[in-house]
Amino acid sequence: MIKTALVLGGSSEIAQAILLELKPQGLQRAVLAVRSPQEIEPLLDSLLPGLDLAVCTWDATDASDSAQMVAEAGRTLGRIDLVVCAVGMLGHHAGRGMTQEAIGLMVQTNFAGPASALSAAAEFLVEQNKADRSQESTLLVLSSVAAARPRKSNFVYGSTKAGLDSFARGLGDALVGTGVRVMVLRPGFVRSRMTTGLEPAPFASDPRQVAVYAARELGKKHSKELIWIPRKLGPLFAVFTNIPSALWRKIAAER
């Protein structure tokens, strides 16, 4: 049972929806790691009612203190059952035309920073579980359908998500036998504050729909390691990732 959680990117609507979905299953306490605690603290009671919450400062663009942040969260929670990695920058039209600084910021925010924090969290969870081999912990990583194949309108964003996606799946392989599992979520377009004003792509979902998929898998003893949301995107991209580039450019068009 998941009773405690650490959220990297605690202001994420998807992450918050996951916490609410897990509450009836036994989630009691959570630490939200955010860049600006003062912006989210006044909203906690309305966003996540009924949960025992703490907020800590963490910035993906300066991940040098990730290990310390995870350790402090562990002390606050007693033990960490779940780490949700939901930090990231929106990548609509993150392709040609971006400045070098903007590209560097996106790489740090979407890949390098989260990867550093996930590595620190993984080591913490491994050591934590050595004390009680009957306990297990989970790293839940929010990826994107954009990680499956780059397209011209957002190849910078897609490449950062592909990097994190690959890192998380490789980390999962490395953690087999430690009592720590890794689950990667690959949602398509999600209707949220971050995508307000954008035309939804086919098979769009909302944060709660993503959360329902995640909570369902988290509740299983033998869960999937890669979760497409909605499920039909899995077989669809099994085809898309292997078609010729010229055809893919026509399918992706300006999306």
C-alpha atoms as a PDB file:
ATOM      1  CA  MET A   1       0.000   0.000   0.000  1.00  0.00           C
ATOM      2  CA  ILE A   2       1.227   3.476  -0.865  1.00  0.00           C
ATOM      3  CA  LYS A   3       0.943   5.679   2.209  1.00  0.00           C
ATOM      4  CA  THR A   4       3.571   8.328   1.472  1.00  0.00           C
ATOM      5  CA  ALA A   5       4.771  10.138  -1.635  1.00  0.00           C
ATOM      6  CA  LEU A   6       7.407  12.623  -2.753  1.00  0.00           C
ATOM      7  CA  VAL A   7       6.464  14.671  -5.822  1.00  0.00           C
ATOM      8  CA  LEU A   8       9.154  16.271  -7.952  1.00  0.00           C
ATOM      9  CA  GLY A   9       7.247  19.106  -9.560  1.00  0.00           C
ATOM     10  CA  GLY A  10       4.502  19.389  -6.961  1.00  0.00           C
ATOM     11  CA  SER A  11       2.588  22.087  -8.828  1.00  0.00           C
ATOM     12  CA  SER A  12       1.832  19.685 -11.705  1.00  0.00           C
ATOM     13  CA  GLU A  13      -1.898  19.155 -12.230  1.00  0.00           C
ATOM     14  CA  ILE A  14      -1.246  15.566 -13.262  1.00  0.00           C
ATOM     15  CA  ALA A  15       0.811  14.852 -10.146  1.00  0.00           C
ATOM     16  CA  GLN A  16      -1.849  16.375  -7.916  1.00  0.00           C
ATOM     17  CA  ALA A  17      -4.542  14.330  -9.657  1.00  0.00           C
ATOM     18  CA  ILE A  18      -2.496  11.183  -9.025  1.00  0.00           C
ATOM     19  CA  LEU A  19      -2.255  11.990  -5.309  1.00  0.00           C
ATOM     20  CA  LEU A  20      -6.031  12.512  -5.107  1.00  0.00           C
ATOM     21  CA  GLU A  21      -6.639   9.243  -6.952  1.00  0.00           C
ATOM     22  CA  LEU A  22      -4.350   7.390  -4.534  1.00  0.00           C
ATOM     23  CA  LYS A  23      -5.956   8.857  -1.404  1.00  0.00           C
ATOM     24  CA  PRO A  24      -8.852   6.331  -1.289  1.00  0.00           C
ATOM     25  CA  GLN A  25      -6.247   3.574  -1.719  1.00  0.00           C
ATOM     26  CA  GLY A  26      -4.405   4.604   1.447  1.00  0.00           C
ATOM     27  CA  LEU A  27      -2.179   7.589   0.610  1.00  0.00           C
ATOM     28  CA  GLN A  28      -1.867   9.740   3.722  1.00  0.00           C
ATOM     29  CA  ARG A  29       1.148  12.026   3.467  1.00  0.00           C
ATOM     30  CA  ALA A  30       3.108  13.745   0.720  1.00  0.00           C
ATOM     31  CA  VAL A  31       5.994  16.135   0.238  1.00  0.00           C
ATOM     32  CA  LEU A  32       5.726  18.467  -2.751  1.00  0.00           C
ATOM     33  CA  ALA A  33       9.081  19.591  -4.137  1.00  0.00           C
ATOM     34  CA  VAL A  34       8.573  22.867  -6.008  1.00  0.00           C
ATOM     35  CA  ARG A  35      10.652  25.814  -7.175  1.00  0.00           C
ATOM     36  CA  SER A  36       8.488  28.433  -5.430  1.00  0.00           C
ATOM     37  CA  PRO A  37       6.803  27.075  -2.267  1.00  0.00           C
ATOM     38  CA  GLN A  38       5.190  30.433  -1.520  1.00  0.00           C
ATOM     39  CA  GLU A  39       3.099  30.144  -4.665  1.00  0.00           C
ATOM     40  CA  ILE A  40       1.557  26.765  -3.865  1.00  0.00           C
ATOM     41  CA  GLU A  41       1.315  26.694  -0.056  1.00  0.00           C
ATOM     42  CA  PRO A  42      -1.840  28.896   0.141  1.00  0.00           C
ATOM     43  CA  LEU A  43      -3.611  26.584  -2.328  1.00  0.00           C
ATOM     44  CA  LEU A  44      -2.860  23.200  -0.746  1.00  0.00           C
ATOM     45  CA  ASP A  45      -6.052  22.808   1.273  1.00  0.00           C
ATOM     46  CA  SER A  46      -8.198  23.410  -1.788  1.00  0.00           C
ATOM     47  CA  LEU A  47      -6.060  21.433  -4.244  1.00  0.00           C
ATOM     48  CA  LEU A  48      -5.347  18.381  -2.090  1.00  0.00           C
ATOM     49  CA  PRO A  49      -7.881  18.241   0.749  1.00  0.00           C
ATOM     50  CA  GLY A  50      -7.501  15.600   3.418  1.00  0.00           C
ATOM     51  CA  LEU A  51      -3.815  14.868   2.866  1.00  0.00           C
ATOM     52  CA  ASP A  52      -1.005  15.646   5.302  1.00  0.00           C
ATOM     53  CA  LEU A  53       1.242  17.814   3.134  1.00  0.00           C
ATOM     54  CA  ALA A  54       4.633  19.452   3.365  1.00  0.00           C
ATOM     55  CA  VAL A  55       6.375  21.618   0.771  1.00  0.00           C
ATOM     56  CA  CYS A  56      10.095  21.864   0.085  1.00  0.00           C
ATOM     57  CA  THR A  57      12.182  23.923  -2.311  1.00  0.00           C
ATOM     58  CA  TRP A  58      13.672  22.136  -5.319  1.00  0.00           C
ATOM     59  CA  ASP A  59      14.672  23.561  -8.677  1.00  0.00           C
ATOM     60  CA  ALA A  60      15.364  21.202 -11.574  1.00  0.00           C
ATOM     61  CA  THR A  61      17.734  23.752 -13.079  1.00  0.00           C
ATOM     62  CA  ASP A  62      19.987  23.429 -10.023  1.00  0.00           C
ATOM     63  CA  ALA A  63      19.826  19.790  -9.020  1.00  0.00           C
ATOM     64  CA  SER A  64      23.020  19.843  -6.906  1.00  0.00           C
ATOM     65  CA  ASP A  65      20.993  19.426  -3.721  1.00  0.00           C
ATOM     66  CA  SER A  66      18.718  16.629  -5.001  1.00  0.00           C
ATOM     67  CA  ALA A  67      20.154  13.982  -2.661  1.00  0.00           C
ATOM     68  CA  GLN A  68      19.726  16.267   0.346  1.00  0.00           C
ATOM     69  CA  MET A  69      16.174  17.129  -0.691  1.00  0.00           C
ATOM     70  CA  VAL A  70      15.215  13.460  -1.019  1.00  0.00           C
ATOM     71  CA  ALA A  71      16.794  12.630   2.343  1.00  0.00           C
ATOM     72  CA  GLU A  72      14.897  15.463   4.044  1.00  0.00           C
ATOM     73  CA  ALA A  73      11.657  14.299   2.458  1.00  0.00           C
ATOM     74  CA  GLY A  74      12.386  10.821   3.776  1.00  0.00           C
ATOM     75  CA  ARG A  75      12.813  12.174   7.295  1.00  0.00           C
ATOM     76  CA  THR A  76       9.567  14.138   6.995  1.00  0.00           C
ATOM     77  CA  LEU A  77       7.575  11.162   5.715  1.00  0.00           C
ATOM     78  CA  GLY A  78       9.223   8.419   7.764  1.00  0.00           C
ATOM     79  CA  ARG A  79       9.602   6.343   4.613  1.00  0.00           C
ATOM     80  CA  ILE A  80       8.933   7.052   0.940  1.00  0.00           C
ATOM     81  CA  ASP A  81       6.607   4.626  -0.815  1.00  0.00           C
ATOM     82  CA  LEU A  82       6.277   6.578  -4.054  1.00  0.00           C
ATOM     83  CA  VAL A  83       8.277   9.205  -5.930  1.00  0.00           C
ATOM     84  CA  VAL A  84       6.381  10.983  -8.699  1.00  0.00           C
ATOM     85  CA  CYS A  85       8.555  12.832 -11.218  1.00  0.00           C
ATOM     86  CA  ALA A  86       6.310  15.394 -12.919  1.00  0.00           C
ATOM     87  CA  VAL A  87       8.587  18.390 -13.380  1.00  0.00           C
ATOM     88  CA  GLY A  88       8.923  19.803 -16.868  1.00  0.00           C
ATOM     89  CA  MET A  89       8.467  22.614 -19.375  1.00  0.00           C
ATOM     90  CA  LEU A  90       5.787  22.656 -22.045  1.00  0.00           C
ATOM     91  CA  GLY A  91       7.199  21.930 -25.458  1.00  0.00           C
ATOM     92  CA  HIS A  92       4.713  23.253 -27.996  1.00  0.00           C
ATOM     93  CA  HIS A  93       6.714  24.477 -31.004  1.00  0.00           C
ATOM     94  CA  ALA A  94       9.997  23.728 -29.254  1.00  0.00           C
ATOM     95  CA  GLY A  95      11.902  23.249 -32.475  1.00  0.00           C
ATOM     96  CA  ARG A  96      13.793  25.575 -34.814  1.00  0.00           C
ATOM     97  CA  GLY A  97      13.959  29.150 -33.668  1.00  0.00           C
ATOM     98  CA  MET A  98      14.647  28.449 -30.004  1.00  0.00           C
ATOM     99  CA  THR A  99      17.647  30.295 -28.603  1.00  0.00           C
ATOM    100  CA  GLN A 100      20.612  28.366 -27.259  1.00  0.00           C
ATOM    101  CA  GLU A 101      19.679  29.543 -23.768  1.00  0.00           C
ATOM    102  CA  ALA A 102      16.110  28.304 -24.159  1.00  0.00           C
ATOM    103  CA  ILE A 103      17.317  24.934 -25.408  1.00  0.00           C
ATOM    104  CA  GLY A 104      19.707  24.624 -22.478  1.00  0.00           C
ATOM    105  CA  LEU A 105      16.943  25.493 -20.016  1.00  0.00           C
ATOM    106  CA  MET A 106      14.610  22.905 -21.524  1.00  0.00           C
ATOM    107  CA  VAL A 107      17.291  20.197 -21.431  1.00  0.00           C
ATOM    108  CA  GLN A 108      18.035  20.984 -17.783  1.00  0.00           C
ATOM    109  CA  THR A 109      14.384  21.207 -16.735  1.00  0.00           C
ATOM    110  CA  ASN A 110      13.009  18.226 -18.642  1.00  0.00           C
ATOM    111  CA  PHE A 111      15.949  15.847 -18.562  1.00  0.00           C
ATOM    112  CA  ALA A 112      19.157  16.638 -16.667  1.00  0.00           C
ATOM    113  CA  GLY A 113      17.532  17.893 -13.455  1.00  0.00           C
ATOM    114  CA  PRO A 114      14.896  15.164 -13.193  1.00  0.00           C
ATOM    115  CA  ALA A 115      17.462  12.480 -14.062  1.00  0.00           C
ATOM    116  CA  SER A 116      19.730  13.678 -11.268  1.00  0.00           C
ATOM    117  CA  ALA A 117      16.861  13.689  -8.787  1.00  0.00           C
ATOM    118  CA  LEU A 118      15.630  10.258  -9.884  1.00  0.00           C
ATOM    119  CA  SER A 119      19.112   8.839  -9.419  1.00  0.00           C
ATOM    120  CA  ALA A 120      19.277  10.288  -5.914  1.00  0.00           C
ATOM    121  CA  ALA A 121      15.781   9.027  -5.123  1.00  0.00           C
ATOM    122  CA  ALA A 122      16.592   5.550  -6.418  1.00  0.00           C
ATOM    123  CA  GLU A 123      19.634   5.226  -4.164  1.00  0.00           C
ATOM    124  CA  PHE A 124      17.643   6.474  -1.183  1.00  0.00           C
ATOM    125  CA  LEU A 125      14.849   3.976  -1.809  1.00  0.00           C
ATOM    126  CA  VAL A 126      17.262   1.075  -2.248  1.00  0.00           C
ATOM    127  CA  GLU A 127      18.915   1.824   1.099  1.00  0.00           C
ATOM    128  CA  GLN A 128      15.543   2.406   2.739  1.00  0.00           C
ATOM    129  CA  ASN A 129      14.224  -0.959   1.604  1.00  0.00           C
ATOM    130  CA  LYS A 130      17.281  -2.836   2.872  1.00  0.00           C
ATOM    131  CA  ALA A 131      15.920  -2.301   6.360  1.00  0.00           C
ATOM    132  CA  ASP A 132      12.673  -4.095   5.477  1.00  0.00           C
ATOM    133  CA  ARG A 133      12.787  -6.478   2.527  1.00  0.00           C
ATOM    134  CA  SER A 134       9.001  -6.882   2.646  1.00  0.00           C
ATOM    135  CA  GLN A 135       8.502  -3.261   1.603  1.00  0.00           C
ATOM    136  CA  GLU A 136       8.624  -1.954  -1.960  1.00  0.00           C
ATOM    137  CA  SER A 137       8.829   1.536  -3.431  1.00  0.00           C
ATOM    138  CA  THR A 138       8.020   3.015  -6.822  1.00  0.00           C
ATOM    139  CA  LEU A 139       9.470   5.698  -9.057  1.00  0.00           C
ATOM    140  CA  LEU A 140       6.669   6.997 -11.303  1.00  0.00           C
ATOM    141  CA  VAL A 141       8.016   9.091 -14.175  1.00  0.00           C
ATOM    142  CA  LEU A 142       5.851  11.327 -16.338  1.00  0.00           C
ATOM    143  CA  SER A 143       7.115  11.080 -19.907  1.00  0.00           C
ATOM    144  CA  SER A 144       5.203  11.942 -23.090  1.00  0.00           C
ATOM    145  CA  VAL A 145       4.116  10.514 -26.406  1.00  0.00           C
ATOM    146  CA  ALA A 146       6.609  13.046 -27.804  1.00  0.00           C
ATOM    147  CA  ALA A 147       9.388  10.765 -26.539  1.00  0.00           C
ATOM    148  CA  ALA A 148       8.419   8.054 -29.027  1.00  0.00           C
ATOM    149  CA  ARG A 149       9.437   9.865 -32.220  1.00  0.00           C
ATOM    150  CA  PRO A 150      10.635  13.451 -32.822  1.00  0.00           C
ATOM    151  CA  ARG A 151       8.693  15.808 -35.071  1.00  0.00           C
ATOM    152  CA  LYS A 152       9.752  19.122 -36.525  1.00  0.00           C
ATOM    153  CA  SER A 153       7.508  21.340 -34.408  1.00  0.00           C
ATOM    154  CA  ASN A 154       8.816  20.120 -31.046  1.00  0.00           C
ATOM    155  CA  PHE A 155      11.988  18.088 -31.536  1.00  0.00           C
ATOM    156  CA  VAL A 156      13.785  19.883 -28.701  1.00  0.00           C
ATOM    157  CA  TYR A 157      11.006  19.048 -26.255  1.00  0.00           C
ATOM    158  CA  GLY A 158      10.631  15.544 -27.681  1.00  0.00           C
ATOM    159  CA  SER A 159      14.347  14.836 -27.370  1.00  0.00           C
ATOM    160  CA  THR A 160      14.408  15.898 -23.714  1.00  0.00           C
ATOM    161  CA  LYS A 161      11.429  13.674 -22.966  1.00  0.00           C
ATOM    162  CA  ALA A 162      13.040  10.830 -24.917  1.00  0.00           C
ATOM    163  CA  GLY A 163      16.168  11.239 -22.819  1.00  0.00           C
ATOM    164  CA  LEU A 164      14.256  11.093 -19.545  1.00  0.00           C
ATOM    165  CA  ASP A 165      12.109   8.225 -20.813  1.00  0.00           C
ATOM    166  CA  SER A 166      15.191   6.191 -21.757  1.00  0.00           C
ATOM    167  CA  PHE A 167      16.947   7.071 -18.500  1.00  0.00           C
ATOM    168  CA  ALA A 168      13.957   5.969 -16.430  1.00  0.00           C
ATOM    169  CA  ARG A 169      13.495   2.686 -18.265  1.00  0.00           C
ATOM    170  CA  GLY A 170      17.197   1.863 -17.992  1.00  0.00           C
ATOM    171  CA  LEU A 171      17.115   2.791 -14.310  1.00  0.00           C
ATOM    172  CA  GLY A 172      14.213   0.395 -13.888  1.00  0.00           C
ATOM    173  CA  ASP A 173      16.279  -2.423 -15.367  1.00  0.00           C
ATOM    174  CA  ALA A 174      19.173  -1.563 -13.044  1.00  0.00           C
ATOM    175  CA  LEU A 175      16.886  -1.642  -9.997  1.00  0.00           C
ATOM    176  CA  VAL A 176      15.421  -5.117 -10.565  1.00  0.00           C
ATOM    177  CA  GLY A 177      15.781  -7.121  -7.364  1.00  0.00           C
ATOM    178  CA  THR A 178      16.161  -4.096  -5.071  1.00  0.00           C
ATOM    179  CA  GLY A 179      12.518  -3.662  -4.105  1.00  0.00           C
ATOM    180  CA  VAL A 180      12.287  -0.491  -6.196  1.00  0.00           C
ATOM    181  CA  ARG A 181      10.282  -0.481  -9.421  1.00  0.00           C
ATOM    182  CA  VAL A 182      10.082   2.163 -12.127  1.00  0.00           C
ATOM    183  CA  MET A 183       6.928   2.980 -14.070  1.00  0.00           C
ATOM    184  CA  VAL A 184       6.912   5.354 -17.037  1.00  0.00           C
ATOM    185  CA  LEU A 185       3.735   7.162 -18.095  1.00  0.00           C
ATOM    186  CA  ARG A 186       3.475   8.205 -21.752  1.00  0.00           C
ATOM    187  CA  PRO A 187       0.326  10.306 -22.115  1.00  0.00           C
ATOM    188  CA  GLY A 188      -0.676  12.005 -25.315  1.00  0.00           C
ATOM    189  CA  PHE A 189      -1.986  15.567 -25.317  1.00  0.00           C
ATOM    190  CA  VAL A 190      -3.306  16.472 -21.847  1.00  0.00           C
ATOM    191  CA  ARG A 191      -5.851  19.259 -21.454  1.00  0.00           C
ATOM    192  CA  SER A 192      -4.496  21.326 -18.557  1.00  0.00           C
ATOM    193  CA  ARG A 193      -3.450  24.850 -17.539  1.00  0.00           C
ATOM    194  CA  MET A 194      -0.205  24.393 -19.455  1.00  0.00           C
ATOM    195  CA  THR A 195      -2.016  23.586 -22.704  1.00  0.00           C
ATOM    196  CA  THR A 196      -4.736  26.226 -22.473  1.00  0.00           C
ATOM    197  CA  GLY A 197      -5.256  27.799 -25.872  1.00  0.00           C
ATOM    198  CA  LEU A 198      -3.682  24.927 -27.811  1.00  0.00           C
ATOM    199  CA  GLU A 199      -5.687  22.736 -30.150  1.00  0.00           C
ATOM    200  CA  PRO A 200      -5.963  19.264 -28.592  1.00  0.00           C
ATOM    201  CA  ALA A 201      -4.333  16.446 -30.503  1.00  0.00           C
ATOM    202  CA  PRO A 202      -6.283  13.256 -31.255  1.00  0.00           C
ATOM    203  CA  PHE A 203      -6.870  10.987 -28.236  1.00  0.00           C
ATOM    204  CA  ALA A 204      -6.442  13.882 -25.783  1.00  0.00           C
ATOM    205  CA  SER A 205      -7.008  13.242 -22.081  1.00  0.00           C
ATOM    206  CA  ASP A 206      -7.173  15.302 -18.898  1.00  0.00           C
ATOM    207  CA  PRO A 207      -5.130  15.090 -15.658  1.00  0.00           C
ATOM    208  CA  ARG A 208      -7.679  12.904 -13.888  1.00  0.00           C
ATOM    209  CA  GLN A 209      -7.778  10.404 -16.746  1.00  0.00           C
ATOM    210  CA  VAL A 210      -3.993  10.133 -16.575  1.00  0.00           C
ATOM    211  CA  ALA A 211      -4.231   9.727 -12.806  1.00  0.00           C
ATOM    212  CA  VAL A 212      -6.776   6.901 -13.089  1.00  0.00           C
ATOM    213  CA  TYR A 213      -4.439   4.935 -15.368  1.00  0.00           C
ATOM    214  CA  ALA A 214      -1.501   5.559 -13.029  1.00  0.00           C
ATOM    215  CA  ALA A 215      -3.346   4.654  -9.836  1.00  0.00           C
ATOM    216  CA  ARG A 216      -4.697   1.469 -11.388  1.00  0.00           C
ATOM    217  CA  GLU A 217      -1.203   0.263 -12.283  1.00  0.00           C
ATOM    218  CA  LEU A 218       0.283   1.372  -8.968  1.00  0.00           C
ATOM    219  CA  GLY A 219      -2.241  -0.816  -7.183  1.00  0.00           C
ATOM    220  CA  LYS A 220      -1.081  -3.948  -9.001  1.00  0.00           C
ATOM    221  CA  LYS A 221       1.550  -6.329  -7.684  1.00  0.00           C
ATOM    222  CA  HIS A 222       2.904  -6.891 -11.189  1.00  0.00           C
ATOM    223  CA  SER A 223       2.369  -3.594 -12.960  1.00  0.00           C
ATOM    224  CA  LYS A 224       3.316  -2.509 -16.448  1.00  0.00           C
ATOM    225  CA  GLU A 225       6.633  -0.701 -16.754  1.00  0.00           C
ATOM    226  CA  LEU A 226       5.456   1.482 -19.649  1.00  0.00           C
ATOM    227  CA  ILE A 227       1.933   2.896 -19.654  1.00  0.00           C
ATOM    228  CA  TRP A 228       0.455   4.611 -22.705  1.00  0.00           C
ATOM    229  CA  ILE A 229      -2.451   6.972 -22.014  1.00  0.00           C
ATOM    230  CA  PRO A 230      -4.827   6.245 -23.606  1.00  0.00           C
ATOM    231  CA  ARG A 231      -3.851   2.623 -24.283  1.00  0.00           C
ATOM    232  CA  LYS A 232      -4.561   2.862 -28.018  1.00  0.00           C
ATOM    233  CA  LEU A 233      -1.485   5.102 -28.421  1.00  0.00           C
ATOM    234  CA  GLY A 234       0.762   2.099 -27.730  1.00  0.00           C
ATOM    235  CA  PRO A 235      -0.073   0.039 -30.821  1.00  0.00           C
ATOM    236  CA  LEU A 236      -0.460   3.213 -32.862  1.00  0.00           C
ATOM    237  CA  PHE A 237       3.089   4.350 -32.122  1.00  0.00           C
ATOM    238  CA  ALA A 238       4.423   0.833 -32.577  1.00  0.00           C
ATOM    239  CA  VAL A 239       3.613   1.564 -36.207  1.00  0.00           C
ATOM    240  CA  PHE A 240       4.543   5.259 -36.246  1.00  0.00           C
ATOM    241  CA  THR A 241       8.040   4.690 -34.874  1.00  0.00           C
ATOM    242  CA  ASN A 242       8.882   2.391 -37.773  1.00  0.00           C
ATOM    243  CA  ILE A 243       7.359   4.083 -40.807  1.00  0.00           C
ATOM    244  CA  PRO A 244       9.619   5.957 -43.282  1.00  0.00           C
ATOM    245  CA  SER A 245      10.577   9.499 -42.288  1.00  0.00           C
ATOM    246  CA  ALA A 246       8.906  11.083 -45.324  1.00  0.00           C
ATOM    247  CA  LEU A 247       5.582   9.489 -44.401  1.00  0.00           C
ATOM    248  CA  TRP A 248       5.971  10.440 -40.723  1.00  0.00           C
ATOM    249  CA  ARG A 249       6.530  14.085 -41.703  1.00  0.00           C
ATOM    250  CA  LYS A 250       3.208  14.054 -43.534  1.00  0.00           C
ATOM    251  CA  ILE A 251       1.378  12.439 -40.622  1.00  0.00           C
ATOM    252  CA  ALA A 252       2.892  14.756 -38.003  1.00  0.00           C
ATOM    253  CA  ALA A 253       2.441  17.813 -40.263  1.00  0.00           C
ATOM    254  CA  GLU A 254       2.440  20.945 -38.104  1.00  0.00           C
ATOM    255  CA  ARG A 255       1.464  19.263 -34.855  1.00  0.00           C
END
